[in-house]
PDB file of all heavy atoms in Angstrom:
ATOM      1  N   ILE A   1      48.325 -21.573  15.359  1.00  0.00           N
ATOM      2  CA  ILE A   1      47.398 -22.013  14.327  1.00  0.00           C
ATOM      3  C   ILE A   1      46.596 -23.207  14.829  1.00  0.00           C
ATOM      4  O   ILE A   1      45.441 -23.413  14.420  1.00  0.00           O
ATOM      5  CB  ILE A   1      48.128 -22.386  13.020  1.00  0.00           C
ATOM      6  CG1 ILE A   1      49.297 -23.348  13.294  1.00  0.00           C
ATOM      7  CG2 ILE A   1      48.597 -21.156  12.279  1.00  0.00           C
ATOM      8  CD1 ILE A   1      49.986 -23.884  12.046  1.00  0.00           C
ATOM      9  N   PHE A   2      47.169 -23.960  15.764  1.00  0.00           N
ATOM     10  CA  PHE A   2      46.474 -25.122  16.311  1.00  0.00           C
ATOM     11  C   PHE A   2      45.503 -24.732  17.423  1.00  0.00           C
ATOM     12  O   PHE A   2      44.892 -25.600  18.042  1.00  0.00           O
ATOM     13  CB  PHE A   2      47.473 -26.161  16.804  1.00  0.00           C
ATOM     14  CG  PHE A   2      48.274 -26.793  15.683  1.00  0.00           C
ATOM     15  CD1 PHE A   2      49.500 -27.383  15.940  1.00  0.00           C
ATOM     16  CD2 PHE A   2      47.805 -26.794  14.379  1.00  0.00           C
ATOM     17  CE1 PHE A   2      50.235 -27.966  14.911  1.00  0.00           C
ATOM     18  CE2 PHE A   2      48.535 -27.370  13.350  1.00  0.00           C
ATOM     19  CZ  PHE A   2      49.757 -27.962  13.614  1.00  0.00           C
ATOM     20  N   GLY A   3      45.356 -23.437  17.676  1.00  0.00           N
ATOM     21  CA  GLY A   3      44.281 -22.982  18.537  1.00  0.00           C
ATOM     22  C   GLY A   3      42.990 -22.822  17.761  1.00  0.00           C
ATOM     23  O   GLY A   3      41.923 -22.608  18.342  1.00  0.00           O
ATOM     24  N   THR A   4      43.084 -22.944  16.439  1.00  0.00           N
ATOM     25  CA  THR A   4      41.927 -22.817  15.551  1.00  0.00           C
ATOM     26  C   THR A   4      41.743 -24.067  14.702  1.00  0.00           C
ATOM     27  O   THR A   4      40.626 -24.484  14.423  1.00  0.00           O
ATOM     28  CB  THR A   4      42.107 -21.601  14.624  1.00  0.00           C
ATOM     29  OG1 THR A   4      42.367 -20.449  15.419  1.00  0.00           O
ATOM     30  CG2 THR A   4      40.872 -21.363  13.779  1.00  0.00           C
ATOM     31  N   SER A   5      42.870 -24.651  14.304  1.00  0.00           N
ATOM     32  CA  SER A   5      42.865 -25.837  13.451  1.00  0.00           C
ATOM     33  C   SER A   5      43.083 -27.101  14.282  1.00  0.00           C
ATOM     34  O   SER A   5      43.711 -27.058  15.339  1.00  0.00           O
ATOM     35  CB  SER A   5      43.992 -25.708  12.415  1.00  0.00           C
ATOM     36  OG  SER A   5      44.350 -26.959  11.874  1.00  0.00           O
ATOM     37  N   GLY A   6      42.579 -28.228  13.778  1.00  0.00           N
ATOM     38  CA  GLY A   6      42.809 -29.508  14.443  1.00  0.00           C
ATOM     39  C   GLY A   6      44.167 -30.106  14.178  1.00  0.00           C
ATOM     40  O   GLY A   6      44.504 -31.174  14.705  1.00  0.00           O
ATOM     41  N   GLY A   7      44.957 -29.400  13.365  1.00  0.00           N
ATOM     42  CA  GLY A   7      46.332 -29.850  13.131  1.00  0.00           C
ATOM     43  C   GLY A   7      46.411 -31.211  12.470  1.00  0.00           C
ATOM     44  O   GLY A   7      45.789 -31.460  11.440  1.00  0.00           O
ATOM     45  N   PHE A   8      47.162 -32.096  13.106  1.00  0.00           N
ATOM     46  CA  PHE A   8      47.389 -33.430  12.549  1.00  0.00           C
ATOM     47  C   PHE A   8      46.645 -34.512  13.327  1.00  0.00           C
ATOM     48  O   PHE A   8      46.899 -35.700  13.157  1.00  0.00           O
ATOM     49  CB  PHE A   8      48.893 -33.744  12.547  1.00  0.00           C
ATOM     50  CG  PHE A   8      49.717 -32.702  11.840  1.00  0.00           C
ATOM     51  CD1 PHE A   8      50.647 -31.954  12.528  1.00  0.00           C
ATOM     52  CD2 PHE A   8      49.542 -32.462  10.479  1.00  0.00           C
ATOM     53  CE1 PHE A   8      51.406 -30.988  11.882  1.00  0.00           C
ATOM     54  CE2 PHE A   8      50.292 -31.490   9.830  1.00  0.00           C
ATOM     55  CZ  PHE A   8      51.227 -30.760  10.526  1.00  0.00           C
ATOM     56  N   GLY A   9      45.748 -34.078  14.234  1.00  0.00           N
ATOM     57  CA  GLY A   9      45.001 -35.052  15.025  1.00  0.00           C
ATOM     58  C   GLY A   9      45.753 -35.559  16.234  1.00  0.00           C
ATOM     59  O   GLY A   9      45.279 -36.457  16.932  1.00  0.00           O
ATOM     60  N   THR A  10      46.923 -34.988  16.500  1.00  0.00           N
ATOM     61  CA  THR A  10      47.695 -35.348  17.688  1.00  0.00           C
ATOM     62  C   THR A  10      47.743 -34.156  18.641  1.00  0.00           C
ATOM     63  O   THR A  10      47.141 -33.122  18.378  1.00  0.00           O
ATOM     64  CB  THR A  10      49.132 -35.744  17.287  1.00  0.00           C
ATOM     65  OG1 THR A  10      49.732 -34.658  16.556  1.00  0.00           O
ATOM     66  CG2 THR A  10      49.122 -36.989  16.403  1.00  0.00           C
ATOM     67  N   SER A  11      48.451 -34.311  19.745  1.00  0.00           N
ATOM     68  CA  SER A  11      48.662 -33.222  20.711  1.00  0.00           C
ATOM     69  C   SER A  11      47.350 -32.626  21.230  1.00  0.00           C
ATOM     70  O   SER A  11      47.128 -31.414  21.150  1.00  0.00           O
ATOM     71  CB  SER A  11      49.510 -32.114  20.084  1.00  0.00           C
ATOM     72  OG  SER A  11      50.656 -32.622  19.460  1.00  0.00           O
ATOM     73  N   PRO A  12      46.457 -33.440  21.786  1.00  0.00           N
ATOM     74  CA  PRO A  12      45.148 -32.919  22.194  1.00  0.00           C
ATOM     75  C   PRO A  12      45.225 -31.845  23.273  1.00  0.00           C
ATOM     76  O   PRO A  12      44.451 -30.876  23.231  1.00  0.00           O
ATOM     77  CB  PRO A  12      44.409 -34.161  22.699  1.00  0.00           C
ATOM     78  CG  PRO A  12      45.486 -35.146  23.040  1.00  0.00           C
ATOM     79  CD  PRO A  12      46.576 -34.891  22.059  1.00  0.00           C
ATOM     80  N   ALA A  13      46.123 -31.985  24.222  1.00  0.00           N
ATOM     81  CA  ALA A  13      46.208 -30.988  25.294  1.00  0.00           C
ATOM     82  C   ALA A  13      46.684 -29.648  24.751  1.00  0.00           C
ATOM     83  O   ALA A  13      46.167 -28.583  25.134  1.00  0.00           O
ATOM     84  CB  ALA A  13      47.151 -31.476  26.394  1.00  0.00           C
ATOM     85  N   TYR A  14      47.656 -29.664  23.849  1.00  0.00           N
ATOM     86  CA  TYR A  14      48.173 -28.431  23.262  1.00  0.00           C
ATOM     87  C   TYR A  14      47.078 -27.713  22.484  1.00  0.00           C
ATOM     88  O   TYR A  14      46.877 -26.503  22.626  1.00  0.00           O
ATOM     89  CB  TYR A  14      49.345 -28.755  22.351  1.00  0.00           C
ATOM     90  CG  TYR A  14      50.014 -27.552  21.732  1.00  0.00           C
ATOM     91  CD1 TYR A  14      50.961 -26.826  22.449  1.00  0.00           C
ATOM     92  CD2 TYR A  14      49.702 -27.145  20.437  1.00  0.00           C
ATOM     93  CE1 TYR A  14      51.582 -25.716  21.890  1.00  0.00           C
ATOM     94  CE2 TYR A  14      50.316 -26.034  19.872  1.00  0.00           C
ATOM     95  CZ  TYR A  14      51.254 -25.332  20.599  1.00  0.00           C
ATOM     96  OH  TYR A  14      51.854 -24.234  20.040  1.00  0.00           O
ATOM     97  N   HIS A  15      46.340 -28.453  21.661  1.00  0.00           N
ATOM     98  CA  HIS A  15      45.260 -27.856  20.884  1.00  0.00           C
ATOM     99  C   HIS A  15      44.170 -27.294  21.792  1.00  0.00           C
ATOM    100  O   HIS A  15      43.656 -26.200  21.557  1.00  0.00           O
ATOM    101  CB  HIS A  15      44.660 -28.889  19.928  1.00  0.00           C
ATOM    102  CG  HIS A  15      45.511 -29.186  18.744  1.00  0.00           C
ATOM    103  ND1 HIS A  15      46.707 -29.869  18.830  1.00  0.00           N
ATOM    104  CD2 HIS A  15      45.345 -28.895  17.435  1.00  0.00           C
ATOM    105  CE1 HIS A  15      47.235 -29.984  17.621  1.00  0.00           C
ATOM    106  NE2 HIS A  15      46.426 -29.402  16.758  1.00  0.00           N
ATOM    107  N   ALA A  16      43.819 -28.045  22.829  1.00  0.00           N
ATOM    108  CA  ALA A  16      42.782 -27.587  23.750  1.00  0.00           C
ATOM    109  C   ALA A  16      43.205 -26.300  24.442  1.00  0.00           C
ATOM    110  O   ALA A  16      42.417 -25.350  24.577  1.00  0.00           O
ATOM    111  CB  ALA A  16      42.488 -28.665  24.786  1.00  0.00           C
ATOM    112  N   ALA A  17      44.467 -26.241  24.877  1.00  0.00           N
ATOM    113  CA  ALA A  17      44.964 -25.056  25.579  1.00  0.00           C
ATOM    114  C   ALA A  17      45.021 -23.846  24.658  1.00  0.00           C
ATOM    115  O   ALA A  17      44.589 -22.743  25.022  1.00  0.00           O
ATOM    116  CB  ALA A  17      46.342 -25.347  26.168  1.00  0.00           C
ATOM    117  N   LYS A  18      45.543 -24.043  23.455  1.00  0.00           N
ATOM    118  CA  LYS A  18      45.679 -22.909  22.533  1.00  0.00           C
ATOM    119  C   LYS A  18      44.313 -22.422  22.048  1.00  0.00           C
ATOM    120  O   LYS A  18      44.115 -21.229  21.805  1.00  0.00           O
ATOM    121  CB  LYS A  18      46.566 -23.293  21.351  1.00  0.00           C
ATOM    122  CG  LYS A  18      48.025 -23.560  21.738  1.00  0.00           C
ATOM    123  CD  LYS A  18      48.674 -22.346  22.381  1.00  0.00           C
ATOM    124  CE  LYS A  18      50.148 -22.545  22.628  1.00  0.00           C
ATOM    125  NZ  LYS A  18      50.807 -21.349  23.215  1.00  0.00           N
ATOM    126  N   GLY A  19      43.362 -23.339  21.920  1.00  0.00           N
ATOM    127  CA  GLY A  19      41.999 -22.935  21.579  1.00  0.00           C
ATOM    128  C   GLY A  19      41.361 -22.145  22.701  1.00  0.00           C
ATOM    129  O   GLY A  19      40.641 -21.160  22.470  1.00  0.00           O
ATOM    130  N   ALA A  20      41.636 -22.550  23.926  1.00  0.00           N
ATOM    131  CA  ALA A  20      41.108 -21.824  25.081  1.00  0.00           C
ATOM    132  C   ALA A  20      41.685 -20.414  25.151  1.00  0.00           C
ATOM    133  O   ALA A  20      40.975 -19.457  25.478  1.00  0.00           O
ATOM    134  CB  ALA A  20      41.419 -22.585  26.365  1.00  0.00           C
ATOM    135  N   ILE A  21      42.968 -20.266  24.835  1.00  0.00           N
ATOM    136  CA  ILE A  21      43.589 -18.943  24.833  1.00  0.00           C
ATOM    137  C   ILE A  21      42.885 -18.036  23.833  1.00  0.00           C
ATOM    138  O   ILE A  21      42.638 -16.851  24.105  1.00  0.00           O
ATOM    139  CB  ILE A  21      45.089 -19.048  24.487  1.00  0.00           C
ATOM    140  CG1 ILE A  21      45.853 -19.708  25.637  1.00  0.00           C
ATOM    141  CG2 ILE A  21      45.679 -17.673  24.180  1.00  0.00           C
ATOM    142  CD1 ILE A  21      47.282 -20.047  25.293  1.00  0.00           C
ATOM    143  N   ARG A  22      42.564 -18.581  22.686  1.00  0.00           N
ATOM    144  CA  ARG A  22      41.893 -17.796  21.642  1.00  0.00           C
ATOM    145  C   ARG A  22      40.594 -17.188  22.161  1.00  0.00           C
ATOM    146  O   ARG A  22      40.319 -16.005  21.977  1.00  0.00           O
ATOM    147  CB  ARG A  22      41.622 -18.696  20.441  1.00  0.00           C
ATOM    148  CG  ARG A  22      40.882 -18.038  19.299  1.00  0.00           C
ATOM    149  CD  ARG A  22      40.575 -19.072  18.236  1.00  0.00           C
ATOM    150  NE  ARG A  22      39.871 -18.483  17.105  1.00  0.00           N
ATOM    151  CZ  ARG A  22      38.818 -19.040  16.497  1.00  0.00           C
ATOM    152  NH1 ARG A  22      38.346 -20.193  16.921  1.00  0.00           N
ATOM    153  NH2 ARG A  22      38.246 -18.443  15.483  1.00  0.00           N
ATOM    154  N   THR A  23      39.773 -17.995  22.821  1.00  0.00           N
ATOM    155  CA  THR A  23      38.485 -17.510  23.309  1.00  0.00           C
ATOM    156  C   THR A  23      38.631 -16.685  24.576  1.00  0.00           C
ATOM    157  O   THR A  23      37.932 -15.670  24.756  1.00  0.00           O
ATOM    158  CB  THR A  23      37.532 -18.693  23.552  1.00  0.00           C
ATOM    159  OG1 THR A  23      37.454 -19.488  22.366  1.00  0.00           O
ATOM    160  CG2 THR A  23      36.142 -18.212  23.908  1.00  0.00           C
ATOM    161  N   LEU A  24      39.531 -17.083  25.470  1.00  0.00           N
ATOM    162  CA  LEU A  24      39.761 -16.318  26.690  1.00  0.00           C
ATOM    163  C   LEU A  24      40.215 -14.904  26.355  1.00  0.00           C
ATOM    164  O   LEU A  24      39.809 -13.933  27.005  1.00  0.00           O
ATOM    165  CB  LEU A  24      40.804 -17.024  27.560  1.00  0.00           C
ATOM    166  CG  LEU A  24      41.165 -16.341  28.883  1.00  0.00           C
ATOM    167  CD1 LEU A  24      39.943 -16.239  29.797  1.00  0.00           C
ATOM    168  CD2 LEU A  24      42.301 -17.094  29.576  1.00  0.00           C
ATOM    169  N   THR A  25      41.039 -14.778  25.328  1.00  0.00           N
ATOM    170  CA  THR A  25      41.500 -13.461  24.891  1.00  0.00           C
ATOM    171  C   THR A  25      40.319 -12.559  24.555  1.00  0.00           C
ATOM    172  O   THR A  25      40.259 -11.391  24.965  1.00  0.00           O
ATOM    173  CB  THR A  25      42.421 -13.603  23.664  1.00  0.00           C
ATOM    174  OG1 THR A  25      43.609 -14.301  24.046  1.00  0.00           O
ATOM    175  CG2 THR A  25      42.787 -12.251  23.077  1.00  0.00           C
ATOM    176  N   LYS A  26      39.375 -13.075  23.797  1.00  0.00           N
ATOM    177  CA  LYS A  26      38.211 -12.280  23.414  1.00  0.00           C
ATOM    178  C   LYS A  26      37.354 -11.936  24.630  1.00  0.00           C
ATOM    179  O   LYS A  26      36.825 -10.813  24.738  1.00  0.00           O
ATOM    180  CB  LYS A  26      37.385 -13.047  22.377  1.00  0.00           C
ATOM    181  CG  LYS A  26      38.147 -13.308  21.078  1.00  0.00           C
ATOM    182  CD  LYS A  26      37.296 -14.109  20.106  1.00  0.00           C
ATOM    183  CE  LYS A  26      38.112 -14.508  18.881  1.00  0.00           C
ATOM    184  NZ  LYS A  26      38.653 -13.338  18.152  1.00  0.00           N
ATOM    185  N   ASN A  27      37.219 -12.876  25.545  1.00  0.00           N
ATOM    186  CA  ASN A  27      36.416 -12.656  26.744  1.00  0.00           C
ATOM    187  C   ASN A  27      36.979 -11.520  27.591  1.00  0.00           C
ATOM    188  O   ASN A  27      36.244 -10.611  28.013  1.00  0.00           O
ATOM    189  CB  ASN A  27      36.362 -13.957  27.545  1.00  0.00           C
ATOM    190  CG  ASN A  27      35.622 -13.813  28.859  1.00  0.00           C
ATOM    191  OD1 ASN A  27      36.247 -13.627  29.898  1.00  0.00           O
ATOM    192  ND2 ASN A  27      34.301 -13.911  28.823  1.00  0.00           N
ATOM    193  N   ILE A  28      38.283 -11.541  27.817  1.00  0.00           N
ATOM    194  CA  ILE A  28      38.896 -10.503  28.645  1.00  0.00           C
ATOM    195  C   ILE A  28      38.979  -9.177  27.874  1.00  0.00           C
ATOM    196  O   ILE A  28      38.888  -8.093  28.462  1.00  0.00           O
ATOM    197  CB  ILE A  28      40.272 -10.941  29.150  1.00  0.00           C
ATOM    198  CG1 ILE A  28      40.175 -12.310  29.847  1.00  0.00           C
ATOM    199  CG2 ILE A  28      40.842  -9.899  30.125  1.00  0.00           C
ATOM    200  CD1 ILE A  28      39.152 -12.372  30.963  1.00  0.00           C
ATOM    201  N   ALA A  29      39.131  -9.249  26.555  1.00  0.00           N
ATOM    202  CA  ALA A  29      39.130  -8.024  25.745  1.00  0.00           C
ATOM    203  C   ALA A  29      37.814  -7.277  25.912  1.00  0.00           C
ATOM    204  O   ALA A  29      37.792  -6.034  26.035  1.00  0.00           O
ATOM    205  CB  ALA A  29      39.368  -8.361  24.276  1.00  0.00           C
ATOM    206  N   LEU A  30      36.710  -7.996  25.930  1.00  0.00           N
ATOM    207  CA  LEU A  30      35.408  -7.363  26.125  1.00  0.00           C
ATOM    208  C   LEU A  30      35.273  -6.803  27.539  1.00  0.00           C
ATOM    209  O   LEU A  30      34.764  -5.700  27.743  1.00  0.00           O
ATOM    210  CB  LEU A  30      34.293  -8.367  25.842  1.00  0.00           C
ATOM    211  CG  LEU A  30      34.160  -8.817  24.382  1.00  0.00           C
ATOM    212  CD1 LEU A  30      33.122  -9.920  24.271  1.00  0.00           C
ATOM    213  CD2 LEU A  30      33.783  -7.644  23.491  1.00  0.00           C
ATOM    214  N   HIS A  31      35.751  -7.566  28.506  1.00  0.00           N
ATOM    215  CA  HIS A  31      35.654  -7.128  29.902  1.00  0.00           C
ATOM    216  C   HIS A  31      36.457  -5.857  30.151  1.00  0.00           C
ATOM    217  O   HIS A  31      36.026  -4.978  30.911  1.00  0.00           O
ATOM    218  CB  HIS A  31      36.150  -8.259  30.809  1.00  0.00           C
ATOM    219  CG  HIS A  31      36.139  -7.932  32.261  1.00  0.00           C
ATOM    220  ND1 HIS A  31      35.016  -7.487  32.919  1.00  0.00           N
ATOM    221  CD2 HIS A  31      37.138  -7.981  33.202  1.00  0.00           C
ATOM    222  CE1 HIS A  31      35.303  -7.278  34.205  1.00  0.00           C
ATOM    223  NE2 HIS A  31      36.586  -7.558  34.383  1.00  0.00           N
ATOM    224  N   TRP A  32      37.622  -5.743  29.488  1.00  0.00           N
ATOM    225  CA  TRP A  32      38.503  -4.597  29.714  1.00  0.00           C
ATOM    226  C   TRP A  32      38.400  -3.527  28.621  1.00  0.00           C
ATOM    227  O   TRP A  32      39.186  -2.577  28.601  1.00  0.00           O
ATOM    228  CB  TRP A  32      39.952  -5.073  29.807  1.00  0.00           C
ATOM    229  CG  TRP A  32      40.282  -5.747  31.113  1.00  0.00           C
ATOM    230  CD1 TRP A  32      39.569  -5.723  32.259  1.00  0.00           C
ATOM    231  CD2 TRP A  32      41.452  -6.540  31.380  1.00  0.00           C
ATOM    232  NE1 TRP A  32      40.194  -6.445  33.243  1.00  0.00           N
ATOM    233  CE2 TRP A  32      41.363  -6.960  32.736  1.00  0.00           C
ATOM    234  CE3 TRP A  32      42.551  -6.934  30.625  1.00  0.00           C
ATOM    235  CZ2 TRP A  32      42.345  -7.758  33.335  1.00  0.00           C
ATOM    236  CZ3 TRP A  32      43.528  -7.730  31.222  1.00  0.00           C
ATOM    237  CH2 TRP A  32      43.424  -8.131  32.570  1.00  0.00           C
ATOM    238  N   ALA A  33      37.438  -3.646  27.732  1.00  0.00           N
ATOM    239  CA  ALA A  33      37.361  -2.729  26.585  1.00  0.00           C
ATOM    240  C   ALA A  33      37.224  -1.272  27.011  1.00  0.00           C
ATOM    241  O   ALA A  33      37.732  -0.377  26.332  1.00  0.00           O
ATOM    242  CB  ALA A  33      36.193  -3.121  25.680  1.00  0.00           C
ATOM    243  N   ASP A  34      36.547  -1.016  28.123  1.00  0.00           N
ATOM    244  CA  ASP A  34      36.383   0.358  28.581  1.00  0.00           C
ATOM    245  C   ASP A  34      37.301   0.678  29.749  1.00  0.00           C
ATOM    246  O   ASP A  34      37.124   1.695  30.427  1.00  0.00           O
ATOM    247  CB  ASP A  34      34.927   0.635  28.958  1.00  0.00           C
ATOM    248  CG  ASP A  34      34.432  -0.247  30.088  1.00  0.00           C
ATOM    249  OD1 ASP A  34      35.189  -1.156  30.524  1.00  0.00           O
ATOM    250  OD2 ASP A  34      33.293  -0.040  30.548  1.00  0.00           O
ATOM    251  N   ALA A  35      38.293  -0.185  29.977  1.00  0.00           N
ATOM    252  CA  ALA A  35      39.229   0.017  31.086  1.00  0.00           C
ATOM    253  C   ALA A  35      40.614   0.408  30.600  1.00  0.00           C
ATOM    254  O   ALA A  35      41.555   0.480  31.388  1.00  0.00           O
ATOM    255  CB  ALA A  35      39.316  -1.247  31.938  1.00  0.00           C
ATOM    256  N   GLY A  36      40.733   0.642  29.291  1.00  0.00           N
ATOM    257  CA  GLY A  36      42.013   1.072  28.760  1.00  0.00           C
ATOM    258  C   GLY A  36      43.025  -0.030  28.552  1.00  0.00           C
ATOM    259  O   GLY A  36      44.223   0.246  28.414  1.00  0.00           O
ATOM    260  N   VAL A  37      42.561  -1.279  28.506  1.00  0.00           N
ATOM    261  CA  VAL A  37      43.476  -2.408  28.304  1.00  0.00           C
ATOM    262  C   VAL A  37      43.023  -3.193  27.084  1.00  0.00           C
ATOM    263  O   VAL A  37      41.880  -3.657  27.015  1.00  0.00           O
ATOM    264  CB  VAL A  37      43.505  -3.351  29.525  1.00  0.00           C
ATOM    265  CG1 VAL A  37      44.510  -4.483  29.299  1.00  0.00           C
ATOM    266  CG2 VAL A  37      43.844  -2.584  30.801  1.00  0.00           C
ATOM    267  N   ARG A  38      43.912  -3.322  26.110  1.00  0.00           N
ATOM    268  CA  ARG A  38      43.625  -4.104  24.910  1.00  0.00           C
ATOM    269  C   ARG A  38      44.203  -5.509  25.054  1.00  0.00           C
ATOM    270  O   ARG A  38      45.297  -5.691  25.595  1.00  0.00           O
ATOM    271  CB  ARG A  38      44.220  -3.428  23.673  1.00  0.00           C
ATOM    272  CG  ARG A  38      43.628  -2.051  23.405  1.00  0.00           C
ATOM    273  CD  ARG A  38      44.255  -1.363  22.210  1.00  0.00           C
ATOM    274  NE  ARG A  38      45.690  -1.112  22.391  1.00  0.00           N
ATOM    275  CZ  ARG A  38      46.658  -1.869  21.903  1.00  0.00           C
ATOM    276  NH1 ARG A  38      46.387  -2.922  21.147  1.00  0.00           N
ATOM    277  NH2 ARG A  38      47.926  -1.559  22.115  1.00  0.00           N
ATOM    278  N   VAL A  39      43.460  -6.510  24.571  1.00  0.00           N
ATOM    279  CA  VAL A  39      43.879  -7.910  24.697  1.00  0.00           C
ATOM    280  C   VAL A  39      43.716  -8.592  23.347  1.00  0.00           C
ATOM    281  O   VAL A  39      42.613  -8.629  22.794  1.00  0.00           O
ATOM    282  CB  VAL A  39      43.034  -8.651  25.761  1.00  0.00           C
ATOM    283  CG1 VAL A  39      43.611 -10.038  26.025  1.00  0.00           C
ATOM    284  CG2 VAL A  39      42.950  -7.844  27.056  1.00  0.00           C
ATOM    285  N   ASN A  40      44.801  -9.102  22.800  1.00  0.00           N
ATOM    286  CA  ASN A  40      44.783  -9.753  21.493  1.00  0.00           C
ATOM    287  C   ASN A  40      45.595 -11.047  21.521  1.00  0.00           C
ATOM    288  O   ASN A  40      46.450 -11.233  22.394  1.00  0.00           O
ATOM    289  CB  ASN A  40      45.370  -8.815  20.430  1.00  0.00           C
ATOM    290  CG  ASN A  40      44.530  -7.572  20.229  1.00  0.00           C
ATOM    291  OD1 ASN A  40      43.459  -7.622  19.637  1.00  0.00           O
ATOM    292  ND2 ASN A  40      45.000  -6.435  20.743  1.00  0.00           N
ATOM    293  N   SER A  41      45.326 -11.909  20.571  1.00  0.00           N
ATOM    294  CA  SER A  41      46.102 -13.150  20.466  1.00  0.00           C
ATOM    295  C   SER A  41      46.838 -13.206  19.134  1.00  0.00           C
ATOM    296  O   SER A  41      46.353 -12.708  18.111  1.00  0.00           O
ATOM    297  CB  SER A  41      45.197 -14.378  20.614  1.00  0.00           C
ATOM    298  OG  SER A  41      44.191 -14.418  19.609  1.00  0.00           O
ATOM    299  N   ILE A  42      48.017 -13.798  19.177  1.00  0.00           N
ATOM    300  CA  ILE A  42      48.799 -14.054  17.968  1.00  0.00           C
ATOM    301  C   ILE A  42      48.861 -15.561  17.769  1.00  0.00           C
ATOM    302  O   ILE A  42      49.062 -16.327  18.718  1.00  0.00           O
ATOM    303  CB  ILE A  42      50.213 -13.452  18.087  1.00  0.00           C
ATOM    304  CG1 ILE A  42      50.134 -11.933  17.995  1.00  0.00           C
ATOM    305  CG2 ILE A  42      51.138 -14.008  17.001  1.00  0.00           C
ATOM    306  CD1 ILE A  42      51.475 -11.233  18.098  1.00  0.00           C
TER     307      ILE A  42
END
């Protein structure tokens, strides 16, 4: 949830990393969409 929300204003590295995972997931999902590989984030 802290990949989308700012949480409590602490843990900047954790939030930055989890936010990056959120967008990276979408980027690779598009790249592999016609390659038979699905990519999602929880």
